[in-house]
């Protein structure tokens, strides 16, 4: 690909991304949100944390050193963050950063 094709591809992806983010505001400007969107907004963060915990523990062998200590520390840290801040985004973000740091560096 030459530079013009790359520029056109980035431009098209930017336009599509913008419209995908703007469409809900256009469709639901004066209307009440459908119940399926309210359900997703209420339960999706809990589902994401559950999936991250399952992903974290799927390959852990608790019989070998370090006995899953990195994973358990990350899960406890995420839980403590959520209890302190009551914000799923902060909990997920910083818990994931700690987990990736422990797995990559230790």
PDB file of N, CA and C in Angstrom:
ATOM      1  N   UNK A   1       0.841  -1.181   0.000  1.00  0.00           N
ATOM      2  CA  UNK A   1       0.000   0.000   0.000  1.00  0.00           C
ATOM      3  C   UNK A   1       0.887   1.245   0.000  1.00  0.00           C
ATOM      4  N   UNK A   2       0.475   2.197  -0.786  1.00  0.00           N
ATOM      5  CA  UNK A   2       1.217   3.456  -0.771  1.00  0.00           C
ATOM      6  C   UNK A   2       0.599   4.404   0.259  1.00  0.00           C
ATOM      7  N   UNK A   3       1.187   5.566   0.425  1.00  0.00           N
ATOM      8  CA  UNK A   3       0.738   6.509   1.457  1.00  0.00           C
ATOM      9  C   UNK A   3      -0.687   6.997   1.234  1.00  0.00           C
ATOM     10  N   UNK A   4      -1.088   7.194  -0.013  1.00  0.00           N
ATOM     11  CA  UNK A   4      -2.456   7.652  -0.290  1.00  0.00           C
ATOM     12  C   UNK A   4      -3.481   6.608   0.124  1.00  0.00           C
ATOM     13  N   UNK A   5      -3.210   5.352  -0.158  1.00  0.00           N
ATOM     14  CA  UNK A   5      -4.138   4.292   0.224  1.00  0.00           C
ATOM     15  C   UNK A   5      -4.238   4.167   1.743  1.00  0.00           C
ATOM     16  N   UNK A   6      -3.137   4.307   2.428  1.00  0.00           N
ATOM     17  CA  UNK A   6      -3.157   4.255   3.893  1.00  0.00           C
ATOM     18  C   UNK A   6      -3.952   5.426   4.452  1.00  0.00           C
ATOM     19  N   UNK A   7      -3.762   6.618   3.898  1.00  0.00           N
ATOM     20  CA  UNK A   7      -4.505   7.789   4.338  1.00  0.00           C
ATOM     21  C   UNK A   7      -6.003   7.605   4.107  1.00  0.00           C
ATOM     22  N   UNK A   8      -6.388   7.088   2.951  1.00  0.00           N
ATOM     23  CA  UNK A   8      -7.809   6.858   2.649  1.00  0.00           C
ATOM     24  C   UNK A   8      -8.395   5.823   3.602  1.00  0.00           C
ATOM     25  N   UNK A   9      -7.643   4.759   3.891  1.00  0.00           N
ATOM     26  CA  UNK A   9      -8.128   3.728   4.812  1.00  0.00           C
ATOM     27  C   UNK A   9      -8.343   4.303   6.206  1.00  0.00           C
ATOM     28  N   UNK A  10      -7.416   5.108   6.680  1.00  0.00           N
ATOM     29  CA  UNK A  10      -7.551   5.740   8.000  1.00  0.00           C
ATOM     30  C   UNK A  10      -8.738   6.690   8.009  1.00  0.00           C
ATOM     31  N   UNK A  11      -8.916   7.446   6.955  1.00  0.00           N
ATOM     32  CA  UNK A  11     -10.044   8.373   6.860  1.00  0.00           C
ATOM     33  C   UNK A  11     -11.375   7.625   6.895  1.00  0.00           C
ATOM     34  N   UNK A  12     -11.484   6.543   6.147  1.00  0.00           N
ATOM     35  CA  UNK A  12     -12.729   5.755   6.128  1.00  0.00           C
ATOM     36  C   UNK A  12     -12.999   5.142   7.505  1.00  0.00           C
ATOM     37  N   UNK A  13     -11.965   4.596   8.135  1.00  0.00           N
ATOM     38  CA  UNK A  13     -12.153   4.012   9.470  1.00  0.00           C
ATOM     39  C   UNK A  13     -12.550   5.074  10.485  1.00  0.00           C
ATOM     40  N   UNK A  14     -12.008   6.268  10.370  1.00  0.00           N
ATOM     41  CA  UNK A  14     -12.360   7.351  11.289  1.00  0.00           C
ATOM     42  C   UNK A  14     -13.813   7.771  11.111  1.00  0.00           C
ATOM     43  N   UNK A  15     -14.250   7.888   9.883  1.00  0.00           N
ATOM     44  CA  UNK A  15     -15.646   8.275   9.606  1.00  0.00           C
ATOM     45  C   UNK A  15     -16.607   7.217  10.121  1.00  0.00           C
ATOM     46  N   UNK A  16     -16.310   5.958   9.862  1.00  0.00           N
ATOM     47  CA  UNK A  16     -17.174   4.871  10.335  1.00  0.00           C
ATOM     48  C   UNK A  16     -17.212   4.847  11.854  1.00  0.00           C
ATOM     49  N   UNK A  17     -16.065   4.995  12.489  1.00  0.00           N
ATOM     50  CA  UNK A  17     -16.011   5.009  13.951  1.00  0.00           C
ATOM     51  C   UNK A  17     -16.831   6.166  14.522  1.00  0.00           C
ATOM     52  N   UNK A  18     -16.737   7.328  13.901  1.00  0.00           N
ATOM     53  CA  UNK A  18     -17.506   8.482  14.360  1.00  0.00           C
ATOM     54  C   UNK A  18     -19.009   8.213  14.259  1.00  0.00           C
ATOM     55  N   UNK A  19     -19.459   7.689  13.135  1.00  0.00           N
ATOM     56  CA  UNK A  19     -20.889   7.451  12.953  1.00  0.00           C
ATOM     57  C   UNK A  19     -21.404   6.336  13.855  1.00  0.00           C
ATOM     58  N   UNK A  20     -20.590   5.337  14.117  1.00  0.00           N
ATOM     59  CA  UNK A  20     -21.016   4.279  15.035  1.00  0.00           C
ATOM     60  C   UNK A  20     -21.226   4.854  16.428  1.00  0.00           C
ATOM     61  N   UNK A  21     -20.378   5.764  16.826  1.00  0.00           N
ATOM     62  CA  UNK A  21     -20.516   6.373  18.150  1.00  0.00           C
ATOM     63  C   UNK A  21     -21.648   7.401  18.186  1.00  0.00           C
ATOM     64  N   UNK A  22     -21.962   8.007  17.077  1.00  0.00           N
ATOM     65  CA  UNK A  22     -23.001   9.040  17.045  1.00  0.00           C
ATOM     66  C   UNK A  22     -24.400   8.476  16.840  1.00  0.00           C
ATOM     67  N   UNK A  23     -24.519   7.300  16.247  1.00  0.00           N
ATOM     68  CA  UNK A  23     -25.843   6.751  15.938  1.00  0.00           C
ATOM     69  C   UNK A  23     -26.755   6.608  17.151  1.00  0.00           C
ATOM     70  N   UNK A  24     -26.299   6.091  18.277  1.00  0.00           N
ATOM     71  CA  UNK A  24     -27.227   6.002  19.418  1.00  0.00           C
ATOM     72  C   UNK A  24     -27.791   7.348  19.841  1.00  0.00           C
ATOM     73  N   UNK A  25     -26.986   8.406  19.764  1.00  0.00           N
ATOM     74  CA  UNK A  25     -27.475   9.728  20.138  1.00  0.00           C
ATOM     75  C   UNK A  25     -28.498  10.244  19.136  1.00  0.00           C
ATOM     76  N   UNK A  26     -28.356   9.863  17.879  1.00  0.00           N
ATOM     77  CA  UNK A  26     -29.327  10.278  16.870  1.00  0.00           C
ATOM     78  C   UNK A  26     -30.634   9.514  17.006  1.00  0.00           C
ATOM     79  N   UNK A  27     -30.557   8.201  17.268  1.00  0.00           N
ATOM     80  CA  UNK A  27     -31.765   7.376  17.356  1.00  0.00           C
ATOM     81  C   UNK A  27     -32.546   7.594  18.643  1.00  0.00           C
ATOM     82  N   UNK A  28     -31.862   7.820  19.746  1.00  0.00           N
ATOM     83  CA  UNK A  28     -32.535   7.872  21.031  1.00  0.00           C
ATOM     84  C   UNK A  28     -32.503   9.266  21.640  1.00  0.00           C
ATOM     85  N   UNK A  29     -32.493  10.272  20.808  1.00  0.00           N
ATOM     86  CA  UNK A  29     -32.414  11.648  21.279  1.00  0.00           C
ATOM     87  C   UNK A  29     -33.593  12.011  22.169  1.00  0.00           C
ATOM     88  N   UNK A  30     -34.795  11.746  21.722  1.00  0.00           N
ATOM     89  CA  UNK A  30     -35.994  12.142  22.465  1.00  0.00           C
ATOM     90  C   UNK A  30     -36.764  10.950  23.003  1.00  0.00           C
ATOM     91  N   UNK A  31     -36.177   9.777  22.937  1.00  0.00           N
ATOM     92  CA  UNK A  31     -36.885   8.571  23.358  1.00  0.00           C
ATOM     93  C   UNK A  31     -36.224   7.979  24.584  1.00  0.00           C
ATOM     94  N   UNK A  32     -36.988   7.157  25.258  1.00  0.00           N
ATOM     95  CA  UNK A  32     -36.432   6.396  26.374  1.00  0.00           C
ATOM     96  C   UNK A  32     -35.654   5.214  25.823  1.00  0.00           C
ATOM     97  N   UNK A  33     -34.569   4.866  26.485  1.00  0.00           N
ATOM     98  CA  UNK A  33     -33.749   3.752  26.017  1.00  0.00           C
ATOM     99  C   UNK A  33     -34.509   2.437  26.123  1.00  0.00           C
ATOM    100  N   UNK A  34     -34.323   1.546  25.148  1.00  0.00           N
ATOM    101  CA  UNK A  34     -34.944   0.223  25.240  1.00  0.00           C
ATOM    102  C   UNK A  34     -34.419  -0.549  26.452  1.00  0.00           C
ATOM    103  N   UNK A  35     -35.224  -1.472  26.927  1.00  0.00           N
ATOM    104  CA  UNK A  35     -34.855  -2.212  28.133  1.00  0.00           C
ATOM    105  C   UNK A  35     -33.591  -3.047  27.927  1.00  0.00           C
ATOM    106  N   UNK A  36     -33.336  -3.508  26.689  1.00  0.00           N
ATOM    107  CA  UNK A  36     -32.124  -4.304  26.455  1.00  0.00           C
ATOM    108  C   UNK A  36     -30.870  -3.451  26.658  1.00  0.00           C
ATOM    109  N   UNK A  37     -30.901  -2.176  26.300  1.00  0.00           N
ATOM    110  CA  UNK A  37     -29.753  -1.296  26.522  1.00  0.00           C
ATOM    111  C   UNK A  37     -29.568  -0.997  28.008  1.00  0.00           C
ATOM    112  N   UNK A  38     -30.659  -0.831  28.726  1.00  0.00           N
ATOM    113  CA  UNK A  38     -30.563  -0.620  30.169  1.00  0.00           C
ATOM    114  C   UNK A  38     -29.981  -1.850  30.855  1.00  0.00           C
ATOM    115  N   UNK A  39     -30.398  -3.027  30.396  1.00  0.00           N
ATOM    116  CA  UNK A  39     -29.875  -4.282  30.936  1.00  0.00           C
ATOM    117  C   UNK A  39     -28.371  -4.391  30.693  1.00  0.00           C
ATOM    118  N   UNK A  40     -27.942  -4.091  29.467  1.00  0.00           N
ATOM    119  CA  UNK A  40     -26.515  -4.152  29.129  1.00  0.00           C
ATOM    120  C   UNK A  40     -25.734  -3.146  29.972  1.00  0.00           C
ATOM    121  N   UNK A  41     -26.231  -1.948  30.112  1.00  0.00           N
ATOM    122  CA  UNK A  41     -25.546  -0.932  30.905  1.00  0.00           C
ATOM    123  C   UNK A  41     -25.434  -1.302  32.372  1.00  0.00           C
ATOM    124  N   UNK A  42     -26.416  -2.042  32.870  1.00  0.00           N
ATOM    125  CA  UNK A  42     -26.410  -2.411  34.279  1.00  0.00           C
ATOM    126  C   UNK A  42     -25.493  -3.597  34.570  1.00  0.00           C
ATOM    127  N   UNK A  43     -25.494  -4.613  33.691  1.00  0.00           N
ATOM    128  CA  UNK A  43     -24.808  -5.866  33.995  1.00  0.00           C
ATOM    129  C   UNK A  43     -23.504  -6.095  33.234  1.00  0.00           C
ATOM    130  N   UNK A  44     -23.220  -5.347  32.208  1.00  0.00           N
ATOM    131  CA  UNK A  44     -22.034  -5.585  31.393  1.00  0.00           C
ATOM    132  C   UNK A  44     -20.722  -5.438  32.165  1.00  0.00           C
ATOM    133  N   UNK A  45     -20.553  -4.412  33.012  1.00  0.00           N
ATOM    134  CA  UNK A  45     -19.294  -4.314  33.764  1.00  0.00           C
ATOM    135  C   UNK A  45     -19.030  -5.534  34.650  1.00  0.00           C
ATOM    136  N   UNK A  46     -20.061  -6.067  35.290  1.00  0.00           N
ATOM    137  CA  UNK A  46     -19.882  -7.263  36.115  1.00  0.00           C
ATOM    138  C   UNK A  46     -19.489  -8.458  35.266  1.00  0.00           C
ATOM    139  N   UNK A  47     -20.063  -8.564  34.091  1.00  0.00           N
ATOM    140  CA  UNK A  47     -19.730  -9.657  33.176  1.00  0.00           C
ATOM    141  C   UNK A  47     -18.278  -9.540  32.728  1.00  0.00           C
ATOM    142  N   UNK A  48     -17.821  -8.330  32.440  1.00  0.00           N
ATOM    143  CA  UNK A  48     -16.431  -8.129  32.011  1.00  0.00           C
ATOM    144  C   UNK A  48     -15.474  -8.532  33.121  1.00  0.00           C
ATOM    145  N   UNK A  49     -15.752  -8.145  34.353  1.00  0.00           N
ATOM    146  CA  UNK A  49     -14.878  -8.525  35.465  1.00  0.00           C
ATOM    147  C   UNK A  49     -14.880 -10.040  35.642  1.00  0.00           C
ATOM    148  N   UNK A  50     -16.025 -10.683  35.521  1.00  0.00           N
ATOM    149  CA  UNK A  50     -16.094 -12.137  35.635  1.00  0.00           C
ATOM    150  C   UNK A  50     -15.279 -12.821  34.552  1.00  0.00           C
ATOM    151  N   UNK A  51     -15.386 -12.343  33.327  1.00  0.00           N
ATOM    152  CA  UNK A  51     -14.605 -12.911  32.228  1.00  0.00           C
ATOM    153  C   UNK A  51     -13.115 -12.727  32.475  1.00  0.00           C
ATOM    154  N   UNK A  52     -12.703 -11.566  32.965  1.00  0.00           N
ATOM    155  CA  UNK A  52     -11.290 -11.334  33.258  1.00  0.00           C
ATOM    156  C   UNK A  52     -10.785 -12.248  34.372  1.00  0.00           C
ATOM    157  N   UNK A  53     -11.606 -12.503  35.376  1.00  0.00           N
ATOM    158  CA  UNK A  53     -11.196 -13.415  36.447  1.00  0.00           C
ATOM    159  C   UNK A  53     -11.046 -14.828  35.912  1.00  0.00           C
ATOM    160  N   UNK A  54     -11.992 -15.280  35.107  1.00  0.00           N
ATOM    161  CA  UNK A  54     -11.900 -16.618  34.515  1.00  0.00           C
ATOM    162  C   UNK A  54     -10.674 -16.721  33.620  1.00  0.00           C
ATOM    163  N   UNK A  55     -10.430 -15.708  32.813  1.00  0.00           N
ATOM    164  CA  UNK A  55      -9.251 -15.708  31.943  1.00  0.00           C
ATOM    165  C   UNK A  55      -7.969 -15.747  32.773  1.00  0.00           C
ATOM    166  N   UNK A  56      -7.959 -15.019  33.872  1.00  0.00           N
ATOM    167  CA  UNK A  56      -6.781 -14.975  34.727  1.00  0.00           C
ATOM    168  C   UNK A  56      -6.487 -16.337  35.349  1.00  0.00           C
ATOM    169  N   UNK A  57      -7.519 -17.057  35.748  1.00  0.00           N
ATOM    170  CA  UNK A  57      -7.327 -18.303  36.487  1.00  0.00           C
ATOM    171  C   UNK A  57      -7.330 -19.557  35.618  1.00  0.00           C
ATOM    172  N   UNK A  58      -7.573 -19.433  34.322  1.00  0.00           N
ATOM    173  CA  UNK A  58      -7.756 -20.621  33.490  1.00  0.00           C
ATOM    174  C   UNK A  58      -6.521 -21.504  33.382  1.00  0.00           C
ATOM    175  N   UNK A  59      -5.329 -20.963  33.404  1.00  0.00           N
ATOM    176  CA  UNK A  59      -4.115 -21.756  33.243  1.00  0.00           C
ATOM    177  C   UNK A  59      -3.271 -21.835  34.505  1.00  0.00           C
ATOM    178  N   UNK A  60      -3.831 -21.438  35.632  1.00  0.00           N
ATOM    179  CA  UNK A  60      -3.056 -21.414  36.868  1.00  0.00           C
ATOM    180  C   UNK A  60      -3.012 -22.817  37.463  1.00  0.00           C
ATOM    181  N   UNK A  61      -1.818 -23.248  37.810  1.00  0.00           N
ATOM    182  CA  UNK A  61      -1.644 -24.500  38.529  1.00  0.00           C
ATOM    183  C   UNK A  61      -1.323 -24.146  39.969  1.00  0.00           C
ATOM    184  N   UNK A  62      -2.289 -24.360  40.858  1.00  0.00           N
ATOM    185  CA  UNK A  62      -2.127 -23.961  42.246  1.00  0.00           C
ATOM    186  C   UNK A  62      -1.218 -24.906  43.031  1.00  0.00           C
ATOM    187  N   UNK A  63      -0.741 -25.973  42.380  1.00  0.00           N
ATOM    188  CA  UNK A  63       0.147 -26.913  43.045  1.00  0.00           C
ATOM    189  C   UNK A  63       1.617 -26.600  42.816  1.00  0.00           C
ATOM    190  N   UNK A  64       1.913 -25.694  41.885  1.00  0.00           N
ATOM    191  CA  UNK A  64       3.289 -25.327  41.575  1.00  0.00           C
ATOM    192  C   UNK A  64       3.586 -23.912  42.046  1.00  0.00           C
ATOM    193  N   UNK A  65       4.838 -23.697  42.444  1.00  0.00           N
ATOM    194  CA  UNK A  65       5.267 -22.356  42.855  1.00  0.00           C
ATOM    195  C   UNK A  65       5.105 -21.419  41.675  1.00  0.00           C
ATOM    196  N   UNK A  66       4.542 -20.251  41.766  1.00  0.00           N
ATOM    197  CA  UNK A  66       4.195 -19.458  42.948  1.00  0.00           C
ATOM    198  C   UNK A  66       2.760 -19.630  43.409  1.00  0.00           C
ATOM    199  N   UNK A  67       2.130 -20.763  43.101  1.00  0.00           N
ATOM    200  CA  UNK A  67       0.804 -21.131  43.613  1.00  0.00           C
ATOM    201  C   UNK A  67      -0.302 -20.151  43.221  1.00  0.00           C
ATOM    202  N   UNK A  68      -0.165 -19.500  42.101  1.00  0.00           N
ATOM    203  CA  UNK A  68      -1.182 -18.561  41.640  1.00  0.00           C
ATOM    204  C   UNK A  68      -1.182 -17.252  42.398  1.00  0.00           C
ATOM    205  N   UNK A  69      -0.070 -16.937  43.048  1.00  0.00           N
ATOM    206  CA  UNK A  69       0.004 -15.738  43.876  1.00  0.00           C
ATOM    207  C   UNK A  69      -0.181 -14.456  43.065  1.00  0.00           C
ATOM    208  N   UNK A  70       0.408 -14.398  41.866  1.00  0.00           N
ATOM    209  CA  UNK A  70       0.267 -13.191  41.030  1.00  0.00           C
ATOM    210  C   UNK A  70      -1.193 -12.972  40.652  1.00  0.00           C
ATOM    211  N   UNK A  71      -1.856 -14.047  40.282  1.00  0.00           N
ATOM    212  CA  UNK A  71      -3.250 -13.937  39.856  1.00  0.00           C
ATOM    213  C   UNK A  71      -4.162 -13.561  41.016  1.00  0.00           C
ATOM    214  N   UNK A  72      -3.944 -14.208  42.148  1.00  0.00           N
ATOM    215  CA  UNK A  72      -4.781 -13.915  43.313  1.00  0.00           C
ATOM    216  C   UNK A  72      -4.555 -12.482  43.789  1.00  0.00           C
ATOM    217  N   UNK A  73      -3.299 -12.024  43.780  1.00  0.00           N
ATOM    218  CA  UNK A  73      -3.013 -10.629  44.164  1.00  0.00           C
ATOM    219  C   UNK A  73      -3.728  -9.646  43.239  1.00  0.00           C
ATOM    220  N   UNK A  74      -3.735  -9.948  41.954  1.00  0.00           N
ATOM    221  CA  UNK A  74      -4.403  -9.061  40.990  1.00  0.00           C
ATOM    222  C   UNK A  74      -5.905  -9.034  41.215  1.00  0.00           C
ATOM    223  N   UNK A  75      -6.493 -10.189  41.489  1.00  0.00           N
ATOM    224  CA  UNK A  75      -7.943 -10.251  41.725  1.00  0.00           C
ATOM    225  C   UNK A  75      -8.303  -9.507  43.002  1.00  0.00           C
ATOM    226  N   UNK A  76      -7.532  -9.704  44.066  1.00  0.00           N
ATOM    227  CA  UNK A  76      -7.797  -9.017  45.330  1.00  0.00           C
ATOM    228  C   UNK A  76      -7.618  -7.505  45.156  1.00  0.00           C
ATOM    229  N   UNK A  77      -6.567  -7.100  44.436  1.00  0.00           N
ATOM    230  CA  UNK A  77      -6.336  -5.681  44.172  1.00  0.00           C
ATOM    231  C   UNK A  77      -7.509  -5.060  43.424  1.00  0.00           C
ATOM    232  N   UNK A  78      -8.003  -5.772  42.416  1.00  0.00           N
ATOM    233  CA  UNK A  78      -9.150  -5.277  41.646  1.00  0.00           C
ATOM    234  C   UNK A  78     -10.381  -5.147  42.540  1.00  0.00           C
ATOM    235  N   UNK A  79     -10.605  -6.144  43.391  1.00  0.00           N
ATOM    236  CA  UNK A  79     -11.740  -6.083  44.306  1.00  0.00           C
ATOM    237  C   UNK A  79     -11.640  -4.924  45.276  1.00  0.00           C
ATOM    238  N   UNK A  80     -10.444  -4.707  45.818  1.00  0.00           N
ATOM    239  CA  UNK A  80     -10.243  -3.589  46.752  1.00  0.00           C
ATOM    240  C   UNK A  80     -10.466  -2.251  46.045  1.00  0.00           C
ATOM    241  N   UNK A  81      -9.937  -2.134  44.829  1.00  0.00           N
ATOM    242  CA  UNK A  81     -10.166  -0.894  44.068  1.00  0.00           C
ATOM    243  C   UNK A  81     -11.650  -0.647  43.856  1.00  0.00           C
ATOM    244  N   UNK A  82     -12.384  -1.705  43.546  1.00  0.00           N
ATOM    245  CA  UNK A  82     -13.814  -1.512  43.303  1.00  0.00           C
ATOM    246  C   UNK A  82     -14.543  -1.136  44.596  1.00  0.00           C
ATOM    247  N   UNK A  83     -14.138  -1.726  45.708  1.00  0.00           N
ATOM    248  CA  UNK A  83     -14.774  -1.361  46.973  1.00  0.00           C
ATOM    249  C   UNK A  83     -14.474   0.083  47.355  1.00  0.00           C
ATOM    250  N   UNK A  84     -13.285   0.549  47.040  1.00  0.00           N
ATOM    251  CA  UNK A  84     -12.903   1.922  47.379  1.00  0.00           C
ATOM    252  C   UNK A  84     -13.580   2.929  46.456  1.00  0.00           C
ATOM    253  N   UNK A  85     -13.453   2.718  45.140  1.00  0.00           N
ATOM    254  CA  UNK A  85     -13.908   3.725  44.175  1.00  0.00           C
ATOM    255  C   UNK A  85     -15.311   3.486  43.626  1.00  0.00           C
ATOM    256  N   UNK A  86     -15.817   2.260  43.732  1.00  0.00           N
ATOM    257  CA  UNK A  86     -17.138   1.902  43.186  1.00  0.00           C
ATOM    258  C   UNK A  86     -17.263   2.293  41.714  1.00  0.00           C
ATOM    259  N   UNK A  87     -16.170   2.067  40.984  1.00  0.00           N
ATOM    260  CA  UNK A  87     -16.134   2.414  39.562  1.00  0.00           C
ATOM    261  C   UNK A  87     -15.514   1.240  38.809  1.00  0.00           C
ATOM    262  N   UNK A  88     -16.331   0.597  37.973  1.00  0.00           N
ATOM    263  CA  UNK A  88     -15.851  -0.576  37.242  1.00  0.00           C
ATOM    264  C   UNK A  88     -14.681  -0.247  36.329  1.00  0.00           C
ATOM    265  N   UNK A  89     -14.718   0.904  35.710  1.00  0.00           N
ATOM    266  CA  UNK A  89     -13.671   1.260  34.755  1.00  0.00           C
ATOM    267  C   UNK A  89     -12.316   1.355  35.441  1.00  0.00           C
ATOM    268  N   UNK A  90     -12.262   2.008  36.578  1.00  0.00           N
ATOM    269  CA  UNK A  90     -11.013   2.116  37.326  1.00  0.00           C
ATOM    270  C   UNK A  90     -10.552   0.733  37.785  1.00  0.00           C
ATOM    271  N   UNK A  91     -11.478  -0.061  38.306  1.00  0.00           N
ATOM    272  CA  UNK A  91     -11.131  -1.387  38.804  1.00  0.00           C
ATOM    273  C   UNK A  91     -10.567  -2.268  37.701  1.00  0.00           C
ATOM    274  N   UNK A  92     -11.260  -2.329  36.586  1.00  0.00           N
ATOM    275  CA  UNK A  92     -10.831  -3.176  35.473  1.00  0.00           C
ATOM    276  C   UNK A  92      -9.505  -2.687  34.913  1.00  0.00           C
ATOM    277  N   UNK A  93      -9.379  -1.398  34.712  1.00  0.00           N
ATOM    278  CA  UNK A  93      -8.177  -0.840  34.088  1.00  0.00           C
ATOM    279  C   UNK A  93      -6.935  -1.088  34.947  1.00  0.00           C
ATOM    280  N   UNK A  94      -6.981  -0.681  36.204  1.00  0.00           N
ATOM    281  CA  UNK A  94      -5.795  -0.808  37.053  1.00  0.00           C
ATOM    282  C   UNK A  94      -5.540  -2.256  37.474  1.00  0.00           C
ATOM    283  N   UNK A  95      -6.597  -3.047  37.639  1.00  0.00           N
ATOM    284  CA  UNK A  95      -6.404  -4.462  37.932  1.00  0.00           C
ATOM    285  C   UNK A  95      -5.733  -5.185  36.779  1.00  0.00           C
ATOM    286  N   UNK A  96      -6.128  -4.850  35.558  1.00  0.00           N
ATOM    287  CA  UNK A  96      -5.500  -5.453  34.379  1.00  0.00           C
ATOM    288  C   UNK A  96      -4.049  -5.016  34.245  1.00  0.00           C
ATOM    289  N   UNK A  97      -3.774  -3.744  34.525  1.00  0.00           N
ATOM    290  CA  UNK A  97      -2.390  -3.259  34.456  1.00  0.00           C
ATOM    291  C   UNK A  97      -1.522  -3.991  35.480  1.00  0.00           C
ATOM    292  N   UNK A  98      -2.011  -4.158  36.705  1.00  0.00           N
ATOM    293  CA  UNK A  98      -1.237  -4.868  37.712  1.00  0.00           C
ATOM    294  C   UNK A  98      -1.003  -6.319  37.281  1.00  0.00           C
ATOM    295  N   UNK A  99      -2.041  -6.987  36.802  1.00  0.00           N
ATOM    296  CA  UNK A  99      -1.899  -8.382  36.376  1.00  0.00           C
ATOM    297  C   UNK A  99      -0.885  -8.517  35.255  1.00  0.00           C
ATOM    298  N   UNK A 100      -0.985  -7.686  34.243  1.00  0.00           N
ATOM    299  CA  UNK A 100      -0.036  -7.763  33.129  1.00  0.00           C
ATOM    300  C   UNK A 100       1.382  -7.436  33.595  1.00  0.00           C
ATOM    301  N   UNK A 101       1.515  -6.484  34.500  1.00  0.00           N
ATOM    302  CA  UNK A 101       2.846  -6.172  35.026  1.00  0.00           C
ATOM    303  C   UNK A 101       3.436  -7.335  35.796  1.00  0.00           C
ATOM    304  N   UNK A 102       2.625  -7.966  36.648  1.00  0.00           N
ATOM    305  CA  UNK A 102       3.137  -9.098  37.417  1.00  0.00           C
ATOM    306  C   UNK A 102       3.487 -10.285  36.520  1.00  0.00           C
ATOM    307  N   UNK A 103       2.664 -10.542  35.534  1.00  0.00           N
ATOM    308  CA  UNK A 103       2.911 -11.682  34.650  1.00  0.00           C
ATOM    309  C   UNK A 103       4.132 -11.431  33.767  1.00  0.00           C
ATOM    310  N   UNK A 104       4.295 -10.225  33.268  1.00  0.00           N
ATOM    311  CA  UNK A 104       5.400  -9.937  32.350  1.00  0.00           C
ATOM    312  C   UNK A 104       6.729  -9.702  33.067  1.00  0.00           C
ATOM    313  N   UNK A 105       6.681  -9.078  34.235  1.00  0.00           N
ATOM    314  CA  UNK A 105       7.924  -8.674  34.889  1.00  0.00           C
ATOM    315  C   UNK A 105       8.438  -9.685  35.912  1.00  0.00           C
ATOM    316  N   UNK A 106       7.548 -10.422  36.529  1.00  0.00           N
ATOM    317  CA  UNK A 106       7.975 -11.344  37.586  1.00  0.00           C
ATOM    318  C   UNK A 106       8.064 -12.749  37.059  1.00  0.00           C
TER     319      UNK A 106
END
